[in-house]
Amino acid sequence: MPKNQFQRSIFALMTVFVTVHSYVFYSLYVVNGDILMTVTGANSVLGAINAQGGVYMCGRMVPIWAVVVLEFILAFTLESVMGSPCSFKLAMKVFDPKSTHPVLFETAIICATVGLMCPAMSFIAAFLYYPYYAGFNIFTLLANWLELVCYNFPFAFFTQLFFIQPLIRTLFKAIFCRNEKEVSDPELQEAA
């Protein structure tokens, strides 16, 4: 798949872009949608978010686009620094990439990435969405973190394994393999 740092960064960027949008949707609509609609009396989740003035984050209401941007920056940074490098090393401890079928090796990388990123991003989210208006308590933070991991892990595992990573790998191959094929084709090199 990605062969150099530029390609790894593009791959991470594409993955995080799709992942953050799906998580914001999942968190707001699936997990908290009924609560938001009940509290505000709105008949849609988006109407409830607008009625309360945005999404509660860092002790105040912020627009949805700010939630997406902040989570994107945090997730991309964490993916680049910890997620990708560590998951590849973990997969290599169990499987030899030269003798293991590529699908099995990619699945091991995906599972390792979810195992690292889900608890880490859930911990960050526990800080971002902590109910600061009620005062800070470390046990409440840890309980919120555990709750987020329990909600997010199954969603992360199945969406990454069966939807997001196959989509991103297909798009990545379409973009970069076509360009590599064009460069490696001798007739195209002569024409250029």
C-alpha atoms as a PDB file:
ATOM      1  CA  MET A   1       0.000   0.000   0.000  1.00  0.00           C
ATOM      2  CA  PRO A   2       1.668   3.318   0.983  1.00  0.00           C
ATOM      3  CA  LYS A   3       5.299   3.200  -0.122  1.00  0.00           C
ATOM      4  CA  ASN A   4       6.710   6.453   1.254  1.00  0.00           C
ATOM      5  CA  GLN A   5       5.997   9.088   3.898  1.00  0.00           C
ATOM      6  CA  PHE A   6       3.912  11.226   1.533  1.00  0.00           C
ATOM      7  CA  GLN A   7       1.687   8.260   0.644  1.00  0.00           C
ATOM      8  CA  ARG A   8       1.401   7.240   4.313  1.00  0.00           C
ATOM      9  CA  SER A   9       0.293  10.766   5.185  1.00  0.00           C
ATOM     10  CA  ILE A  10      -2.302  10.801   2.379  1.00  0.00           C
ATOM     11  CA  PHE A  11      -3.558   7.368   3.435  1.00  0.00           C
ATOM     12  CA  ALA A  12      -3.888   8.542   7.064  1.00  0.00           C
ATOM     13  CA  LEU A  13      -5.569  11.763   5.928  1.00  0.00           C
ATOM     14  CA  MET A  14      -8.133   9.855   3.863  1.00  0.00           C
ATOM     15  CA  THR A  15      -8.780   7.364   6.675  1.00  0.00           C
ATOM     16  CA  VAL A  16      -9.188  10.028   9.344  1.00  0.00           C
ATOM     17  CA  PHE A  17     -11.450  12.132   7.110  1.00  0.00           C
ATOM     18  CA  VAL A  18     -13.944   9.283   6.672  1.00  0.00           C
ATOM     19  CA  THR A  19     -13.557   8.019  10.244  1.00  0.00           C
ATOM     20  CA  VAL A  20     -14.131  11.373  11.984  1.00  0.00           C
ATOM     21  CA  HIS A  21     -17.279  12.085   9.987  1.00  0.00           C
ATOM     22  CA  SER A  22     -18.657   8.618  10.709  1.00  0.00           C
ATOM     23  CA  TYR A  23     -17.878   8.929  14.429  1.00  0.00           C
ATOM     24  CA  VAL A  24     -19.453  12.357  14.752  1.00  0.00           C
ATOM     25  CA  PHE A  25     -22.566  10.992  13.033  1.00  0.00           C
ATOM     26  CA  TYR A  26     -22.534   7.859  15.197  1.00  0.00           C
ATOM     27  CA  SER A  27     -21.984   9.771  18.428  1.00  0.00           C
ATOM     28  CA  LEU A  28     -24.561  12.482  17.788  1.00  0.00           C
ATOM     29  CA  TYR A  29     -27.272  10.537  15.969  1.00  0.00           C
ATOM     30  CA  VAL A  30     -27.026   6.940  17.139  1.00  0.00           C
ATOM     31  CA  VAL A  31     -25.709   7.191  20.713  1.00  0.00           C
ATOM     32  CA  ASN A  32     -27.034  10.590  21.848  1.00  0.00           C
ATOM     33  CA  GLY A  33     -29.773  11.398  19.322  1.00  0.00           C
ATOM     34  CA  ASP A  34     -32.774  10.402  21.457  1.00  0.00           C
ATOM     35  CA  ILE A  35     -31.407  12.249  24.486  1.00  0.00           C
ATOM     36  CA  LEU A  36     -30.806  15.420  22.470  1.00  0.00           C
ATOM     37  CA  MET A  37     -34.305  15.328  20.978  1.00  0.00           C
ATOM     38  CA  THR A  38     -35.912  14.638  24.385  1.00  0.00           C
ATOM     39  CA  VAL A  39     -34.058  17.472  26.142  1.00  0.00           C
ATOM     40  CA  THR A  40     -34.805  20.071  23.452  1.00  0.00           C
ATOM     41  CA  GLY A  41     -38.201  18.810  22.286  1.00  0.00           C
ATOM     42  CA  ALA A  42     -37.028  18.880  18.675  1.00  0.00           C
ATOM     43  CA  ASN A  43     -38.215  16.253  16.207  1.00  0.00           C
ATOM     44  CA  SER A  44     -34.774  15.741  14.605  1.00  0.00           C
ATOM     45  CA  VAL A  45     -31.243  15.432  15.926  1.00  0.00           C
ATOM     46  CA  LEU A  46     -29.991  18.319  13.796  1.00  0.00           C
ATOM     47  CA  GLY A  47     -32.905  20.426  15.029  1.00  0.00           C
ATOM     48  CA  ALA A  48     -32.007  19.505  18.622  1.00  0.00           C
ATOM     49  CA  ILE A  49     -28.369  20.480  18.085  1.00  0.00           C
ATOM     50  CA  ASN A  50     -29.412  23.799  16.560  1.00  0.00           C
ATOM     51  CA  ALA A  51     -31.943  24.404  19.357  1.00  0.00           C
ATOM     52  CA  GLN A  52     -29.309  24.006  22.054  1.00  0.00           C
ATOM     53  CA  GLY A  53     -26.815  26.166  20.162  1.00  0.00           C
ATOM     54  CA  GLY A  54     -24.406  23.448  19.040  1.00  0.00           C
ATOM     55  CA  VAL A  55     -22.662  20.480  20.598  1.00  0.00           C
ATOM     56  CA  TYR A  56     -21.372  20.588  24.179  1.00  0.00           C
ATOM     57  CA  MET A  57     -17.575  20.456  24.083  1.00  0.00           C
ATOM     58  CA  CYS A  58     -14.893  21.784  26.440  1.00  0.00           C
ATOM     59  CA  GLY A  59     -17.486  23.346  28.737  1.00  0.00           C
ATOM     60  CA  ARG A  60     -19.439  25.276  26.083  1.00  0.00           C
ATOM     61  CA  MET A  61     -21.582  24.854  23.002  1.00  0.00           C
ATOM     62  CA  VAL A  62     -19.718  24.769  19.698  1.00  0.00           C
ATOM     63  CA  PRO A  63     -20.958  24.287  16.115  1.00  0.00           C
ATOM     64  CA  ILE A  64     -20.768  20.828  14.558  1.00  0.00           C
ATOM     65  CA  TRP A  65     -18.105  21.947  12.079  1.00  0.00           C
ATOM     66  CA  ALA A  66     -15.843  22.898  15.022  1.00  0.00           C
ATOM     67  CA  VAL A  67     -16.322  19.426  16.505  1.00  0.00           C
ATOM     68  CA  VAL A  68     -15.375  17.809  13.182  1.00  0.00           C
ATOM     69  CA  VAL A  69     -12.329  20.057  12.691  1.00  0.00           C
ATOM     70  CA  LEU A  70     -10.991  19.553  16.228  1.00  0.00           C
ATOM     71  CA  GLU A  71     -11.537  15.803  16.176  1.00  0.00           C
ATOM     72  CA  PHE A  72      -9.960  15.608  12.711  1.00  0.00           C
ATOM     73  CA  ILE A  73      -6.818  17.408  13.886  1.00  0.00           C
ATOM     74  CA  LEU A  74      -6.536  15.279  17.022  1.00  0.00           C
ATOM     75  CA  ALA A  75      -7.236  11.988  15.218  1.00  0.00           C
ATOM     76  CA  PHE A  76      -4.823  12.741  12.356  1.00  0.00           C
ATOM     77  CA  THR A  77      -2.069  13.663  14.799  1.00  0.00           C
ATOM     78  CA  LEU A  78      -2.655  10.560  16.909  1.00  0.00           C
ATOM     79  CA  GLU A  79      -2.891   8.324  13.822  1.00  0.00           C
ATOM     80  CA  SER A  80       0.354   9.706  12.407  1.00  0.00           C
ATOM     81  CA  VAL A  81       2.297   9.594  15.660  1.00  0.00           C
ATOM     82  CA  MET A  82       0.983   6.429  17.294  1.00  0.00           C
ATOM     83  CA  GLY A  83      -1.691   4.577  15.315  1.00  0.00           C
ATOM     84  CA  SER A  84       0.001   3.711  12.031  1.00  0.00           C
ATOM     85  CA  PRO A  85       3.568   3.102  13.237  1.00  0.00           C
ATOM     86  CA  CYS A  86       2.611   1.068  16.298  1.00  0.00           C
ATOM     87  CA  SER A  87      -0.081  -0.996  14.584  1.00  0.00           C
ATOM     88  CA  PHE A  88       2.331  -1.997  11.817  1.00  0.00           C
ATOM     89  CA  LYS A  89       4.948  -3.032  14.404  1.00  0.00           C
ATOM     90  CA  LEU A  90       2.351  -4.995  16.390  1.00  0.00           C
ATOM     91  CA  ALA A  91       1.171  -6.815  13.259  1.00  0.00           C
ATOM     92  CA  MET A  92       4.785  -7.628  12.338  1.00  0.00           C
ATOM     93  CA  LYS A  93       5.335  -9.209  15.771  1.00  0.00           C
ATOM     94  CA  VAL A  94       2.613 -11.738  15.001  1.00  0.00           C
ATOM     95  CA  PHE A  95       2.881 -12.133  11.211  1.00  0.00           C
ATOM     96  CA  ASP A  96       5.723 -12.034   8.713  1.00  0.00           C
ATOM     97  CA  PRO A  97       4.551  -9.729   5.886  1.00  0.00           C
ATOM     98  CA  LYS A  98       6.586 -11.702   3.308  1.00  0.00           C
ATOM     99  CA  SER A  99       4.983 -15.073   4.072  1.00  0.00           C
ATOM    100  CA  THR A 100       1.523 -13.955   5.234  1.00  0.00           C
ATOM    101  CA  HIS A 101      -1.321 -13.412   2.802  1.00  0.00           C
ATOM    102  CA  PRO A 102      -1.756  -9.631   2.302  1.00  0.00           C
ATOM    103  CA  VAL A 103      -5.423  -9.683   3.350  1.00  0.00           C
ATOM    104  CA  LEU A 104      -4.554 -11.372   6.648  1.00  0.00           C
ATOM    105  CA  PHE A 105      -1.682  -8.965   7.287  1.00  0.00           C
ATOM    106  CA  GLU A 106      -3.851  -5.916   6.471  1.00  0.00           C
ATOM    107  CA  THR A 107      -6.561  -7.283   8.794  1.00  0.00           C
ATOM    108  CA  ALA A 108      -3.991  -7.599  11.580  1.00  0.00           C
ATOM    109  CA  ILE A 109      -2.933  -3.977  11.014  1.00  0.00           C
ATOM    110  CA  ILE A 110      -6.563  -2.806  11.088  1.00  0.00           C
ATOM    111  CA  CYS A 111      -7.263  -4.722  14.316  1.00  0.00           C
ATOM    112  CA  ALA A 112      -4.116  -3.340  15.950  1.00  0.00           C
ATOM    113  CA  THR A 113      -5.007   0.191  14.853  1.00  0.00           C
ATOM    114  CA  VAL A 114      -8.506  -0.097  16.311  1.00  0.00           C
ATOM    115  CA  GLY A 115      -7.078  -1.587  19.507  1.00  0.00           C
ATOM    116  CA  LEU A 116      -4.769   1.414  19.913  1.00  0.00           C
ATOM    117  CA  MET A 117      -6.799   4.288  18.491  1.00  0.00           C
ATOM    118  CA  CYS A 118     -10.200   3.536  20.009  1.00  0.00           C
ATOM    119  CA  PRO A 119      -9.136   3.751  23.670  1.00  0.00           C
ATOM    120  CA  ALA A 120      -6.834   6.714  22.949  1.00  0.00           C
ATOM    121  CA  MET A 121      -9.436   8.763  21.058  1.00  0.00           C
ATOM    122  CA  SER A 122     -12.113   7.784  23.589  1.00  0.00           C
ATOM    123  CA  PHE A 123      -9.875   9.137  26.353  1.00  0.00           C
ATOM    124  CA  ILE A 124      -9.454  12.407  24.465  1.00  0.00           C
ATOM    125  CA  ALA A 125     -13.219  12.535  23.886  1.00  0.00           C
ATOM    126  CA  ALA A 126     -13.820  11.923  27.607  1.00  0.00           C
ATOM    127  CA  PHE A 127     -11.897  15.159  28.266  1.00  0.00           C
ATOM    128  CA  LEU A 128     -13.545  17.084  25.422  1.00  0.00           C
ATOM    129  CA  TYR A 129     -17.119  16.134  26.322  1.00  0.00           C
ATOM    130  CA  TYR A 130     -16.703  16.008  30.105  1.00  0.00           C
ATOM    131  CA  PRO A 131     -19.548  17.748  31.988  1.00  0.00           C
ATOM    132  CA  TYR A 132     -17.346  20.502  33.409  1.00  0.00           C
ATOM    133  CA  TYR A 133     -20.410  22.414  34.644  1.00  0.00           C
ATOM    134  CA  ALA A 134     -20.772  19.773  37.385  1.00  0.00           C
ATOM    135  CA  GLY A 135     -17.141  20.084  38.558  1.00  0.00           C
ATOM    136  CA  PHE A 136     -14.244  17.768  37.754  1.00  0.00           C
ATOM    137  CA  ASN A 137     -13.874  14.294  39.246  1.00  0.00           C
ATOM    138  CA  ILE A 138     -11.241  11.824  38.040  1.00  0.00           C
ATOM    139  CA  PHE A 139     -13.565   8.868  38.672  1.00  0.00           C
ATOM    140  CA  THR A 140     -16.274  10.451  36.524  1.00  0.00           C
ATOM    141  CA  LEU A 141     -13.698  10.991  33.780  1.00  0.00           C
ATOM    142  CA  LEU A 142     -12.587   7.341  33.944  1.00  0.00           C
ATOM    143  CA  ALA A 143     -16.206   6.130  33.975  1.00  0.00           C
ATOM    144  CA  ASN A 144     -16.980   8.326  30.945  1.00  0.00           C
ATOM    145  CA  TRP A 145     -13.876   6.972  29.200  1.00  0.00           C
ATOM    146  CA  LEU A 146     -14.874   3.356  29.838  1.00  0.00           C
ATOM    147  CA  GLU A 147     -18.405   4.082  28.624  1.00  0.00           C
ATOM    148  CA  LEU A 148     -17.047   5.676  25.432  1.00  0.00           C
ATOM    149  CA  VAL A 149     -14.746   2.706  24.792  1.00  0.00           C
ATOM    150  CA  CYS A 150     -17.701   0.332  25.208  1.00  0.00           C
ATOM    151  CA  TYR A 151     -19.785   2.348  22.733  1.00  0.00           C
ATOM    152  CA  ASN A 152     -17.000   3.044  20.262  1.00  0.00           C
ATOM    153  CA  PHE A 153     -15.018  -0.197  20.114  1.00  0.00           C
ATOM    154  CA  PRO A 154     -17.618  -2.395  18.367  1.00  0.00           C
ATOM    155  CA  PHE A 155     -18.453   0.447  15.970  1.00  0.00           C
ATOM    156  CA  ALA A 156     -14.756   1.112  15.301  1.00  0.00           C
ATOM    157  CA  PHE A 157     -13.921  -2.542  14.760  1.00  0.00           C
ATOM    158  CA  PHE A 158     -16.701  -3.345  12.321  1.00  0.00           C
ATOM    159  CA  THR A 159     -16.659  -0.077  10.375  1.00  0.00           C
ATOM    160  CA  GLN A 160     -12.876  -0.089   9.996  1.00  0.00           C
ATOM    161  CA  LEU A 161     -12.703  -3.761   9.049  1.00  0.00           C
ATOM    162  CA  PHE A 162     -15.672  -3.957   6.689  1.00  0.00           C
ATOM    163  CA  PHE A 163     -16.320  -0.427   5.419  1.00  0.00           C
ATOM    164  CA  ILE A 164     -13.764   2.327   5.988  1.00  0.00           C
ATOM    165  CA  GLN A 165     -10.504   0.492   5.293  1.00  0.00           C
ATOM    166  CA  PRO A 166     -11.776  -1.355   2.195  1.00  0.00           C
ATOM    167  CA  LEU A 167     -13.103   1.973   0.861  1.00  0.00           C
ATOM    168  CA  ILE A 168      -9.888   3.870   1.601  1.00  0.00           C
ATOM    169  CA  ARG A 169      -7.676   1.097   0.202  1.00  0.00           C
ATOM    170  CA  THR A 170      -9.735   1.005  -2.996  1.00  0.00           C
ATOM    171  CA  LEU A 171      -9.555   4.794  -3.390  1.00  0.00           C
ATOM    172  CA  PHE A 172      -5.858   4.810  -2.529  1.00  0.00           C
ATOM    173  CA  LYS A 173      -5.091   2.119  -5.107  1.00  0.00           C
ATOM    174  CA  ALA A 174      -7.128   3.969  -7.718  1.00  0.00           C
ATOM    175  CA  ILE A 175      -5.177   7.182  -7.106  1.00  0.00           C
ATOM    176  CA  PHE A 176      -1.633   5.937  -6.568  1.00  0.00           C
ATOM    177  CA  CYS A 177      -1.473   2.671  -8.521  1.00  0.00           C
ATOM    178  CA  ARG A 178      -2.745   4.415 -11.630  1.00  0.00           C
ATOM    179  CA  ASN A 179      -0.057   7.082 -11.242  1.00  0.00           C
ATOM    180  CA  GLU A 180       2.631   4.439 -10.646  1.00  0.00           C
ATOM    181  CA  LYS A 181       1.407   2.490 -13.685  1.00  0.00           C
ATOM    182  CA  GLU A 182       1.618   5.619 -15.815  1.00  0.00           C
ATOM    183  CA  VAL A 183       5.169   6.302 -14.656  1.00  0.00           C
ATOM    184  CA  SER A 184       6.299   2.694 -15.101  1.00  0.00           C
ATOM    185  CA  ASP A 185       4.777   2.337 -18.580  1.00  0.00           C
ATOM    186  CA  PRO A 186       7.692   2.788 -21.071  1.00  0.00           C
ATOM    187  CA  GLU A 187       5.464   4.178 -23.833  1.00  0.00           C
ATOM    188  CA  LEU A 188       4.171   6.884 -21.502  1.00  0.00           C
ATOM    189  CA  GLN A 189       7.716   7.732 -20.397  1.00  0.00           C
ATOM    190  CA  GLU A 190       8.801   8.201 -24.005  1.00  0.00           C
ATOM    191  CA  ALA A 191       5.774  10.405 -24.729  1.00  0.00           C
ATOM    192  CA  ALA A 192       6.538  12.570 -21.708  1.00  0.00           C
END
